[in-house]
Amino acid sequence: LSSKPGGKNFATYCSDNNGNYWLFGGNSNTGTGNDLWKYTESNNIWTWMKGDSTTNRIGIYGTLNQPNINNKPGSRSGAVMWKGGPDELWLFGGYGYGNSVEGNLNDLWKYTISTNTWTWVKGDSSIDNSGIYNQTPIQNKPGGRSGAANWKDNNGTIWLFGGVGFSDSGNGQLNDLWKYDITTNTWTWV
């Protein structure tokens, strides 16, 4: 088949409720991508769903919490991705492009499968932002980072640990643990 992603490293991936596999971004020999691919195992087909065919692209953020067909995360590697509800995928951070230049990202995105749209949900559109710890839930946010670990628990809470990036007092190797509540759109520093 002619449609397939090119060679990559530090891409992020997850599966959906229908058994499809999703792949986003990563580094190639031409730069960093923001391409989103779906692999359907039952028929062995890759489908390019969203993003650019060229590398090193800035993000199009639009309005916070407003889906738009033109929205898209910037090119990045070392991000984390997970399955949300039946019709959504989530993407956080990585090292790549915000709204202008390259650096550590702390933006949180939701991809709605049925409408093929990205929504910028939380975090900054710029790079290298420090985390905000132990404030009111609406203010809390992890700093920009790449290479974090993530998982979703049985209650639908998303967990994020560590990576390389920015705390509230500088940058480097991180060991902070965060949880994100989809229903309240809040990060909690655990």
N, C-alpha and C. Protein backbone atom coordinates (compact mmCIF):
# COMPACT_ATOMS: atom_id res chain seq x y z
N LEU A 1 0.84 -1.18 0.00
CA LEU A 1 0.00 0.00 0.00
C LEU A 1 0.88 1.24 0.00
N SER A 2 0.41 2.30 -0.64
CA SER A 2 1.25 3.47 -0.82
C SER A 2 1.24 4.43 0.36
N SER A 3 0.20 4.41 1.19
CA SER A 3 0.11 5.33 2.30
C SER A 3 0.73 4.71 3.55
N LYS A 4 1.77 5.35 4.07
CA LYS A 4 2.41 4.88 5.29
C LYS A 4 3.29 5.97 5.86
N PRO A 5 3.48 6.00 7.18
CA PRO A 5 4.39 6.98 7.75
C PRO A 5 5.83 6.63 7.40
N GLY A 6 6.67 7.64 7.33
CA GLY A 6 8.10 7.42 7.11
C GLY A 6 8.77 6.95 8.39
N GLY A 7 10.06 6.62 8.30
CA GLY A 7 10.82 6.21 9.48
C GLY A 7 10.85 7.31 10.53
N LYS A 8 10.68 6.94 11.78
CA LYS A 8 10.60 7.91 12.87
C LYS A 8 11.23 7.34 14.14
N ASN A 9 11.65 8.25 15.02
CA ASN A 9 11.94 7.87 16.39
C ASN A 9 11.33 8.92 17.31
N PHE A 10 11.12 8.54 18.54
CA PHE A 10 10.51 9.39 19.56
C PHE A 10 9.12 9.89 19.17
N ALA A 11 8.42 9.11 18.33
CA ALA A 11 7.00 9.37 18.06
C ALA A 11 6.21 8.90 19.27
N THR A 12 4.96 9.30 19.36
CA THR A 12 4.09 8.83 20.43
C THR A 12 2.93 8.06 19.83
N TYR A 13 2.31 7.21 20.61
CA TYR A 13 1.29 6.31 20.07
C TYR A 13 0.31 5.89 21.15
N CYS A 14 -0.84 5.39 20.71
CA CYS A 14 -1.83 4.77 21.59
C CYS A 14 -2.79 3.98 20.71
N SER A 15 -3.73 3.29 21.35
CA SER A 15 -4.78 2.58 20.61
C SER A 15 -6.12 3.22 20.98
N ASP A 16 -7.14 2.98 20.14
CA ASP A 16 -8.47 3.51 20.44
C ASP A 16 -9.41 2.38 20.85
N ASN A 17 -10.66 2.71 21.09
CA ASN A 17 -11.64 1.71 21.54
C ASN A 17 -12.03 0.72 20.46
N ASN A 18 -11.68 1.00 19.21
CA ASN A 18 -12.02 0.11 18.10
C ASN A 18 -10.85 -0.77 17.67
N GLY A 19 -9.76 -0.75 18.43
CA GLY A 19 -8.61 -1.58 18.10
C GLY A 19 -7.69 -1.00 17.05
N ASN A 20 -7.86 0.27 16.72
CA ASN A 20 -6.95 0.94 15.79
C ASN A 20 -5.76 1.48 16.58
N TYR A 21 -4.64 1.62 15.92
CA TYR A 21 -3.44 2.17 16.53
C TYR A 21 -3.17 3.54 15.93
N TRP A 22 -2.74 4.46 16.77
CA TRP A 22 -2.51 5.85 16.36
C TRP A 22 -1.06 6.22 16.61
N LEU A 23 -0.48 6.97 15.69
CA LEU A 23 0.92 7.39 15.75
C LEU A 23 0.99 8.88 15.46
N PHE A 24 1.73 9.62 16.30
CA PHE A 24 1.83 11.07 16.11
C PHE A 24 3.27 11.53 16.18
N GLY A 25 3.66 12.40 15.24
CA GLY A 25 4.92 13.13 15.27
C GLY A 25 6.16 12.27 15.28
N GLY A 26 7.19 12.75 15.97
CA GLY A 26 8.47 12.07 16.05
C GLY A 26 9.50 12.68 15.12
N ASN A 27 10.73 12.22 15.26
CA ASN A 27 11.84 12.71 14.45
C ASN A 27 12.06 11.81 13.24
N SER A 28 12.40 12.43 12.13
CA SER A 28 12.79 11.70 10.92
C SER A 28 14.11 12.31 10.44
N ASN A 29 14.60 11.83 9.33
CA ASN A 29 15.86 12.40 8.82
C ASN A 29 15.66 13.78 8.20
N THR A 30 14.42 14.26 8.10
CA THR A 30 14.18 15.61 7.57
C THR A 30 13.74 16.59 8.64
N GLY A 31 13.50 16.13 9.86
CA GLY A 31 13.08 17.02 10.94
C GLY A 31 12.03 16.36 11.81
N THR A 32 11.27 17.18 12.52
CA THR A 32 10.24 16.71 13.45
C THR A 32 8.87 16.90 12.83
N GLY A 33 7.99 15.90 13.01
CA GLY A 33 6.68 15.94 12.38
C GLY A 33 5.53 16.21 13.33
N ASN A 34 4.38 16.55 12.73
CA ASN A 34 3.12 16.67 13.47
C ASN A 34 2.03 15.86 12.76
N ASP A 35 2.46 14.86 12.02
CA ASP A 35 1.52 14.02 11.27
C ASP A 35 0.88 12.98 12.18
N LEU A 36 -0.43 12.79 12.01
CA LEU A 36 -1.21 11.83 12.78
C LEU A 36 -1.66 10.71 11.84
N TRP A 37 -1.32 9.48 12.22
CA TRP A 37 -1.64 8.30 11.40
C TRP A 37 -2.49 7.32 12.19
N LYS A 38 -3.39 6.64 11.48
CA LYS A 38 -4.18 5.55 12.07
C LYS A 38 -3.82 4.26 11.34
N TYR A 39 -3.54 3.22 12.11
CA TYR A 39 -3.28 1.91 11.53
C TYR A 39 -4.44 0.98 11.90
N THR A 40 -5.09 0.43 10.88
CA THR A 40 -6.18 -0.52 11.08
C THR A 40 -5.64 -1.91 10.85
N GLU A 41 -5.53 -2.67 11.93
CA GLU A 41 -4.91 -3.99 11.86
C GLU A 41 -5.72 -4.97 11.01
N SER A 42 -7.05 -4.87 11.06
CA SER A 42 -7.89 -5.85 10.37
C SER A 42 -7.66 -5.87 8.86
N ASN A 43 -7.29 -4.73 8.28
CA ASN A 43 -7.01 -4.72 6.84
C ASN A 43 -5.59 -4.27 6.50
N ASN A 44 -4.75 -4.11 7.55
CA ASN A 44 -3.34 -3.78 7.35
C ASN A 44 -3.15 -2.48 6.56
N ILE A 45 -3.92 -1.45 6.95
CA ILE A 45 -3.88 -0.18 6.22
C ILE A 45 -3.52 0.97 7.15
N TRP A 46 -2.55 1.78 6.71
CA TRP A 46 -2.23 3.05 7.35
C TRP A 46 -3.06 4.14 6.68
N THR A 47 -3.61 5.08 7.49
CA THR A 47 -4.33 6.22 6.95
C THR A 47 -3.76 7.49 7.58
N TRP A 48 -3.33 8.42 6.73
CA TRP A 48 -2.85 9.72 7.21
C TRP A 48 -4.09 10.54 7.55
N MET A 49 -4.26 10.89 8.82
CA MET A 49 -5.49 11.53 9.29
C MET A 49 -5.40 13.05 9.36
N LYS A 50 -4.26 13.57 9.78
CA LYS A 50 -4.17 15.00 10.07
C LYS A 50 -2.70 15.39 10.16
N GLY A 51 -2.41 16.69 10.09
CA GLY A 51 -1.05 17.19 10.23
C GLY A 51 -0.43 17.46 8.87
N ASP A 52 0.83 17.87 8.93
CA ASP A 52 1.53 18.30 7.72
C ASP A 52 2.39 17.20 7.13
N SER A 53 2.61 17.29 5.83
CA SER A 53 3.49 16.34 5.14
C SER A 53 4.94 16.81 5.19
N THR A 54 5.17 18.03 5.66
CA THR A 54 6.52 18.55 5.84
C THR A 54 6.83 18.64 7.33
N THR A 55 8.09 18.80 7.66
CA THR A 55 8.51 18.79 9.06
C THR A 55 8.73 20.20 9.61
N ASN A 56 8.93 20.24 10.94
CA ASN A 56 9.26 21.48 11.66
C ASN A 56 8.19 22.56 11.49
N ARG A 57 6.94 22.18 11.75
CA ARG A 57 5.80 23.07 11.59
C ARG A 57 5.35 23.62 12.94
N ILE A 58 4.97 24.90 12.97
CA ILE A 58 4.43 25.49 14.20
C ILE A 58 3.00 25.01 14.42
N GLY A 59 2.54 25.12 15.66
CA GLY A 59 1.17 24.75 15.99
C GLY A 59 0.19 25.85 15.62
N ILE A 60 -1.02 25.43 15.30
CA ILE A 60 -2.13 26.35 15.10
C ILE A 60 -3.10 26.10 16.26
N TYR A 61 -3.09 27.00 17.23
CA TYR A 61 -3.78 26.77 18.49
C TYR A 61 -5.25 27.19 18.48
N GLY A 62 -5.60 28.20 17.73
CA GLY A 62 -6.98 28.68 17.76
C GLY A 62 -7.32 29.20 19.14
N THR A 63 -8.56 29.01 19.54
CA THR A 63 -9.06 29.48 20.82
C THR A 63 -9.09 28.31 21.80
N LEU A 64 -8.62 28.55 23.01
CA LEU A 64 -8.60 27.53 24.05
C LEU A 64 -9.98 26.89 24.21
N ASN A 65 -10.02 25.56 24.23
CA ASN A 65 -11.24 24.76 24.41
C ASN A 65 -12.27 24.90 23.29
N GLN A 66 -11.83 25.37 22.12
CA GLN A 66 -12.73 25.47 20.97
C GLN A 66 -12.20 24.62 19.82
N PRO A 67 -12.87 23.50 19.49
CA PRO A 67 -12.40 22.70 18.36
C PRO A 67 -12.51 23.50 17.07
N ASN A 68 -11.56 23.24 16.17
CA ASN A 68 -11.59 23.90 14.87
C ASN A 68 -10.84 23.01 13.89
N ILE A 69 -11.36 22.87 12.71
CA ILE A 69 -10.76 22.01 11.71
C ILE A 69 -9.34 22.46 11.36
N ASN A 70 -9.01 23.73 11.60
CA ASN A 70 -7.67 24.25 11.28
C ASN A 70 -6.67 24.08 12.40
N ASN A 71 -7.12 23.77 13.62
CA ASN A 71 -6.21 23.59 14.75
C ASN A 71 -5.30 22.39 14.52
N LYS A 72 -4.06 22.50 15.00
CA LYS A 72 -3.16 21.34 14.96
C LYS A 72 -1.97 21.60 15.87
N PRO A 73 -1.55 20.57 16.60
CA PRO A 73 -0.33 20.71 17.40
C PRO A 73 0.87 20.91 16.48
N GLY A 74 1.87 21.61 16.98
CA GLY A 74 3.10 21.75 16.22
C GLY A 74 3.89 20.46 16.19
N SER A 75 4.87 20.41 15.31
CA SER A 75 5.76 19.25 15.21
C SER A 75 6.45 19.03 16.55
N ARG A 76 6.63 17.74 16.92
CA ARG A 76 7.23 17.43 18.21
C ARG A 76 7.69 15.99 18.28
N SER A 77 8.59 15.74 19.21
CA SER A 77 9.02 14.38 19.55
C SER A 77 9.00 14.25 21.07
N GLY A 78 8.93 13.01 21.55
CA GLY A 78 8.95 12.78 22.99
C GLY A 78 7.69 13.22 23.71
N ALA A 79 6.58 13.37 23.00
CA ALA A 79 5.30 13.71 23.62
C ALA A 79 4.69 12.44 24.23
N VAL A 80 3.57 12.59 24.91
CA VAL A 80 2.81 11.44 25.41
C VAL A 80 1.40 11.51 24.84
N MET A 81 0.81 10.32 24.61
CA MET A 81 -0.51 10.24 24.00
C MET A 81 -1.28 9.12 24.68
N TRP A 82 -2.60 9.28 24.82
CA TRP A 82 -3.41 8.25 25.42
C TRP A 82 -4.83 8.32 24.88
N LYS A 83 -5.56 7.24 25.06
CA LYS A 83 -6.96 7.15 24.67
C LYS A 83 -7.80 7.78 25.76
N GLY A 84 -8.74 8.61 25.37
CA GLY A 84 -9.68 9.19 26.32
C GLY A 84 -10.98 8.43 26.26
N GLY A 85 -12.07 9.14 25.99
CA GLY A 85 -13.37 8.49 25.82
C GLY A 85 -13.42 7.73 24.50
N PRO A 86 -14.60 7.21 24.15
CA PRO A 86 -14.72 6.38 22.96
C PRO A 86 -14.32 7.08 21.65
N ASP A 87 -14.38 8.41 21.64
CA ASP A 87 -14.16 9.15 20.40
C ASP A 87 -13.01 10.15 20.51
N GLU A 88 -12.07 9.94 21.45
CA GLU A 88 -11.03 10.95 21.63
C GLU A 88 -9.67 10.37 21.99
N LEU A 89 -8.65 11.09 21.56
CA LEU A 89 -7.26 10.82 21.91
C LEU A 89 -6.71 12.10 22.53
N TRP A 90 -5.73 11.95 23.42
CA TRP A 90 -5.13 13.10 24.10
C TRP A 90 -3.64 13.13 23.84
N LEU A 91 -3.07 14.33 23.75
CA LEU A 91 -1.65 14.54 23.48
C LEU A 91 -1.13 15.62 24.42
N PHE A 92 0.04 15.36 25.03
CA PHE A 92 0.64 16.35 25.92
C PHE A 92 2.12 16.51 25.62
N GLY A 93 2.56 17.78 25.56
CA GLY A 93 3.97 18.16 25.60
C GLY A 93 4.85 17.59 24.51
N GLY A 94 6.11 17.38 24.89
CA GLY A 94 7.14 16.94 23.97
C GLY A 94 8.11 18.07 23.69
N TYR A 95 9.09 17.79 22.84
CA TYR A 95 10.05 18.81 22.42
C TYR A 95 9.74 19.14 20.97
N GLY A 96 9.40 20.38 20.72
CA GLY A 96 9.05 20.75 19.35
C GLY A 96 8.60 22.18 19.26
N TYR A 97 7.64 22.40 18.38
CA TYR A 97 7.22 23.75 18.02
C TYR A 97 5.89 24.13 18.65
N GLY A 98 5.90 25.25 19.38
CA GLY A 98 4.67 25.85 19.86
C GLY A 98 4.13 26.75 18.76
N ASN A 99 3.78 27.99 19.13
CA ASN A 99 3.23 28.90 18.14
C ASN A 99 4.29 29.65 17.34
N SER A 100 5.59 29.39 17.64
CA SER A 100 6.62 30.09 16.85
C SER A 100 7.94 29.34 16.75
N VAL A 101 8.54 28.98 17.86
CA VAL A 101 9.88 28.39 17.83
C VAL A 101 9.89 27.04 18.55
N GLU A 102 11.05 26.39 18.57
CA GLU A 102 11.21 25.04 19.11
C GLU A 102 11.68 25.07 20.56
N GLY A 103 11.14 24.17 21.37
CA GLY A 103 11.52 24.04 22.77
C GLY A 103 10.65 23.01 23.46
N ASN A 104 10.67 23.00 24.79
CA ASN A 104 9.84 22.07 25.57
C ASN A 104 8.42 22.61 25.67
N LEU A 105 7.46 21.72 25.43
CA LEU A 105 6.04 22.10 25.37
C LEU A 105 5.27 21.55 26.57
N ASN A 106 4.23 22.29 26.98
CA ASN A 106 3.33 21.81 28.02
C ASN A 106 1.87 21.95 27.59
N ASP A 107 1.65 21.95 26.29
CA ASP A 107 0.30 22.08 25.77
C ASP A 107 -0.43 20.74 25.80
N LEU A 108 -1.71 20.78 26.11
CA LEU A 108 -2.56 19.59 26.17
C LEU A 108 -3.61 19.72 25.07
N TRP A 109 -3.71 18.66 24.24
CA TRP A 109 -4.61 18.64 23.10
C TRP A 109 -5.56 17.45 23.18
N LYS A 110 -6.76 17.65 22.64
CA LYS A 110 -7.72 16.56 22.47
C LYS A 110 -8.02 16.42 20.98
N TYR A 111 -7.92 15.18 20.49
CA TYR A 111 -8.28 14.90 19.10
C TYR A 111 -9.60 14.14 19.11
N THR A 112 -10.59 14.68 18.41
CA THR A 112 -11.89 14.02 18.28
C THR A 112 -11.90 13.24 16.98
N ILE A 113 -11.99 11.93 17.12
CA ILE A 113 -11.85 11.04 15.96
C ILE A 113 -12.96 11.27 14.94
N SER A 114 -14.22 11.34 15.39
CA SER A 114 -15.35 11.42 14.46
C SER A 114 -15.37 12.71 13.64
N THR A 115 -14.81 13.79 14.17
CA THR A 115 -14.81 15.07 13.44
C THR A 115 -13.44 15.41 12.86
N ASN A 116 -12.42 14.58 13.17
CA ASN A 116 -11.06 14.82 12.69
C ASN A 116 -10.57 16.22 13.07
N THR A 117 -10.83 16.61 14.33
CA THR A 117 -10.43 17.94 14.79
C THR A 117 -9.60 17.87 16.06
N TRP A 118 -8.67 18.81 16.16
CA TRP A 118 -7.87 19.01 17.36
C TRP A 118 -8.45 20.18 18.15
N THR A 119 -8.41 20.05 19.48
CA THR A 119 -8.79 21.14 20.38
C THR A 119 -7.66 21.37 21.36
N TRP A 120 -7.15 22.61 21.42
CA TRP A 120 -6.16 22.98 22.43
C TRP A 120 -6.93 23.14 23.74
N VAL A 121 -6.59 22.31 24.75
CA VAL A 121 -7.39 22.22 25.97
C VAL A 121 -6.75 22.96 27.14
N LYS A 122 -5.45 22.92 27.25
CA LYS A 122 -4.79 23.48 28.44
C LYS A 122 -3.30 23.69 28.12
N GLY A 123 -2.62 24.44 28.98
CA GLY A 123 -1.19 24.67 28.81
C GLY A 123 -0.92 25.88 27.94
N ASP A 124 0.34 26.05 27.61
CA ASP A 124 0.79 27.24 26.90
C ASP A 124 1.03 26.96 25.42
N SER A 125 0.87 28.00 24.61
CA SER A 125 1.17 27.88 23.19
C SER A 125 2.63 28.24 22.89
N SER A 126 3.33 28.74 23.89
CA SER A 126 4.75 29.08 23.76
C SER A 126 5.58 27.94 24.37
N ILE A 127 6.90 28.06 24.31
CA ILE A 127 7.81 26.99 24.75
C ILE A 127 8.48 27.31 26.09
N ASP A 128 9.06 26.28 26.68
CA ASP A 128 9.94 26.39 27.85
C ASP A 128 9.29 27.08 29.04
N ASN A 129 8.01 26.81 29.26
CA ASN A 129 7.30 27.38 30.39
C ASN A 129 7.52 26.55 31.64
N SER A 130 7.68 27.23 32.77
CA SER A 130 7.83 26.57 34.06
C SER A 130 6.49 26.03 34.53
N GLY A 131 6.56 25.00 35.39
CA GLY A 131 5.35 24.47 35.99
C GLY A 131 4.83 25.39 37.08
N ILE A 132 3.54 25.30 37.35
CA ILE A 132 2.93 26.00 38.48
C ILE A 132 2.41 24.93 39.41
N TYR A 133 2.99 24.88 40.63
CA TYR A 133 2.75 23.81 41.58
C TYR A 133 1.94 24.30 42.77
N ASN A 134 1.01 23.46 43.22
CA ASN A 134 0.33 23.65 44.49
C ASN A 134 -0.43 24.96 44.61
N GLN A 135 -1.00 25.40 43.52
CA GLN A 135 -1.86 26.57 43.55
C GLN A 135 -3.30 26.08 43.44
N THR A 136 -4.22 26.96 43.14
CA THR A 136 -5.59 26.50 42.91
C THR A 136 -5.59 25.60 41.68
N PRO A 137 -6.48 24.62 41.63
CA PRO A 137 -6.46 23.67 40.51
C PRO A 137 -6.50 24.34 39.14
N ILE A 138 -7.18 25.44 39.00
CA ILE A 138 -7.29 26.09 37.70
C ILE A 138 -5.94 26.67 37.25
N GLN A 139 -5.04 26.99 38.22
CA GLN A 139 -3.75 27.57 37.89
C GLN A 139 -2.65 26.52 37.71
N ASN A 140 -2.76 25.38 38.38
CA ASN A 140 -1.72 24.35 38.29
C ASN A 140 -1.48 23.91 36.86
N LYS A 141 -0.20 23.64 36.56
CA LYS A 141 0.13 23.06 35.25
C LYS A 141 1.55 22.52 35.29
N PRO A 142 1.78 21.39 34.65
CA PRO A 142 3.15 20.89 34.51
C PRO A 142 3.93 21.83 33.59
N GLY A 143 5.23 21.91 33.83
CA GLY A 143 6.08 22.68 32.94
C GLY A 143 6.32 21.95 31.63
N GLY A 144 6.87 22.67 30.66
CA GLY A 144 7.20 22.06 29.38
C GLY A 144 8.18 20.91 29.57
N ARG A 145 7.98 19.80 28.82
CA ARG A 145 8.82 18.61 29.01
C ARG A 145 8.69 17.66 27.83
N SER A 146 9.66 16.79 27.72
CA SER A 146 9.60 15.69 26.76
C SER A 146 10.05 14.42 27.47
N GLY A 147 9.67 13.27 26.92
CA GLY A 147 10.08 11.99 27.46
C GLY A 147 9.42 11.60 28.77
N ALA A 148 8.25 12.16 29.08
CA ALA A 148 7.54 11.80 30.31
C ALA A 148 6.90 10.42 30.17
N ALA A 149 6.56 9.83 31.31
CA ALA A 149 5.77 8.60 31.33
C ALA A 149 4.32 8.98 31.61
N ASN A 150 3.39 8.18 31.07
CA ASN A 150 1.98 8.48 31.31
C ASN A 150 1.15 7.21 31.35
N TRP A 151 -0.01 7.29 31.99
CA TRP A 151 -0.98 6.21 32.01
C TRP A 151 -2.33 6.78 32.36
N LYS A 152 -3.39 5.99 32.08
CA LYS A 152 -4.75 6.36 32.44
C LYS A 152 -5.28 5.29 33.38
N ASP A 153 -5.84 5.70 34.52
CA ASP A 153 -6.34 4.71 35.48
C ASP A 153 -7.78 4.32 35.16
N ASN A 154 -8.35 3.42 35.96
CA ASN A 154 -9.70 2.91 35.71
C ASN A 154 -10.80 3.96 35.88
N ASN A 155 -10.48 5.07 36.53
CA ASN A 155 -11.44 6.16 36.70
C ASN A 155 -11.36 7.19 35.58
N GLY A 156 -10.46 6.97 34.63
CA GLY A 156 -10.30 7.90 33.52
C GLY A 156 -9.35 9.05 33.82
N THR A 157 -8.71 9.02 34.98
CA THR A 157 -7.73 10.05 35.34
C THR A 157 -6.43 9.79 34.59
N ILE A 158 -5.85 10.84 34.06
CA ILE A 158 -4.61 10.75 33.32
C ILE A 158 -3.46 11.12 34.25
N TRP A 159 -2.42 10.31 34.25
CA TRP A 159 -1.26 10.52 35.12
C TRP A 159 -0.03 10.81 34.26
N LEU A 160 0.82 11.70 34.75
CA LEU A 160 2.03 12.11 34.04
C LEU A 160 3.18 12.13 35.04
N PHE A 161 4.31 11.53 34.67
CA PHE A 161 5.46 11.51 35.57
C PHE A 161 6.74 11.90 34.82
N GLY A 162 7.47 12.86 35.39
CA GLY A 162 8.84 13.16 35.00
C GLY A 162 9.03 13.64 33.58
N GLY A 163 10.19 13.28 33.04
CA GLY A 163 10.63 13.74 31.74
C GLY A 163 11.81 14.68 31.88
N VAL A 164 12.13 15.35 30.81
CA VAL A 164 13.18 16.37 30.80
C VAL A 164 12.53 17.69 30.43
N GLY A 165 12.69 18.69 31.29
CA GLY A 165 12.06 19.97 31.01
C GLY A 165 12.13 20.92 32.18
N PHE A 166 11.01 21.62 32.43
CA PHE A 166 10.99 22.75 33.36
C PHE A 166 10.09 22.50 34.56
N SER A 167 10.67 22.68 35.75
CA SER A 167 9.89 22.67 36.98
C SER A 167 9.55 24.12 37.30
N ASP A 168 9.33 24.43 38.58
CA ASP A 168 9.10 25.82 38.98
C ASP A 168 10.40 26.53 39.34
N SER A 169 11.53 25.79 39.27
CA SER A 169 12.81 26.40 39.70
C SER A 169 13.95 26.14 38.73
N GLY A 170 13.66 25.81 37.50
CA GLY A 170 14.73 25.59 36.52
C GLY A 170 14.38 24.43 35.61
N ASN A 171 15.40 23.96 34.88
CA ASN A 171 15.14 22.86 33.96
C ASN A 171 16.13 21.72 34.18
N GLY A 172 15.75 20.53 33.74
CA GLY A 172 16.57 19.34 33.89
C GLY A 172 15.70 18.11 33.96
N GLN A 173 16.22 17.05 34.61
CA GLN A 173 15.47 15.80 34.80
C GLN A 173 14.38 16.05 35.86
N LEU A 174 13.16 15.62 35.55
CA LEU A 174 12.03 15.88 36.44
C LEU A 174 11.55 14.59 37.10
N ASN A 175 11.05 14.71 38.33
CA ASN A 175 10.44 13.55 39.00
C ASN A 175 9.09 13.92 39.61
N ASP A 176 8.41 14.89 39.00
CA ASP A 176 7.12 15.32 39.50
C ASP A 176 6.00 14.44 38.96
N LEU A 177 4.98 14.22 39.78
CA LEU A 177 3.83 13.40 39.42
C LEU A 177 2.60 14.30 39.36
N TRP A 178 1.87 14.21 38.25
CA TRP A 178 0.69 15.03 38.02
C TRP A 178 -0.48 14.13 37.66
N LYS A 179 -1.68 14.59 37.96
CA LYS A 179 -2.87 13.93 37.42
C LYS A 179 -3.77 14.99 36.78
N TYR A 180 -4.41 14.57 35.70
CA TYR A 180 -5.30 15.48 34.96
C TYR A 180 -6.71 14.90 35.00
N ASP A 181 -7.67 15.72 35.43
CA ASP A 181 -9.07 15.32 35.47
C ASP A 181 -9.78 15.91 34.25
N ILE A 182 -10.21 15.04 33.35
CA ILE A 182 -10.85 15.49 32.11
C ILE A 182 -12.15 16.25 32.41
N THR A 183 -12.92 15.79 33.38
CA THR A 183 -14.23 16.41 33.64
C THR A 183 -14.11 17.83 34.17
N THR A 184 -13.07 18.12 34.96
CA THR A 184 -12.91 19.48 35.51
C THR A 184 -11.84 20.29 34.77
N ASN A 185 -11.13 19.66 33.81
CA ASN A 185 -10.07 20.32 33.05
C ASN A 185 -9.02 20.92 33.99
N THR A 186 -8.58 20.12 34.97
CA THR A 186 -7.59 20.61 35.94
C THR A 186 -6.45 19.62 36.13
N TRP A 187 -5.24 20.18 36.31
CA TRP A 187 -4.06 19.41 36.69
C TRP A 187 -3.89 19.51 38.20
N THR A 188 -3.50 18.41 38.82
CA THR A 188 -3.17 18.41 40.25
C THR A 188 -1.76 17.86 40.40
N TRP A 189 -0.90 18.61 41.11
CA TRP A 189 0.44 18.14 41.45
C TRP A 189 0.30 17.20 42.64
N VAL A 190 0.66 15.94 42.43
CA VAL A 190 0.46 14.93 43.45
C VAL A 190 1.68 14.81 44.35
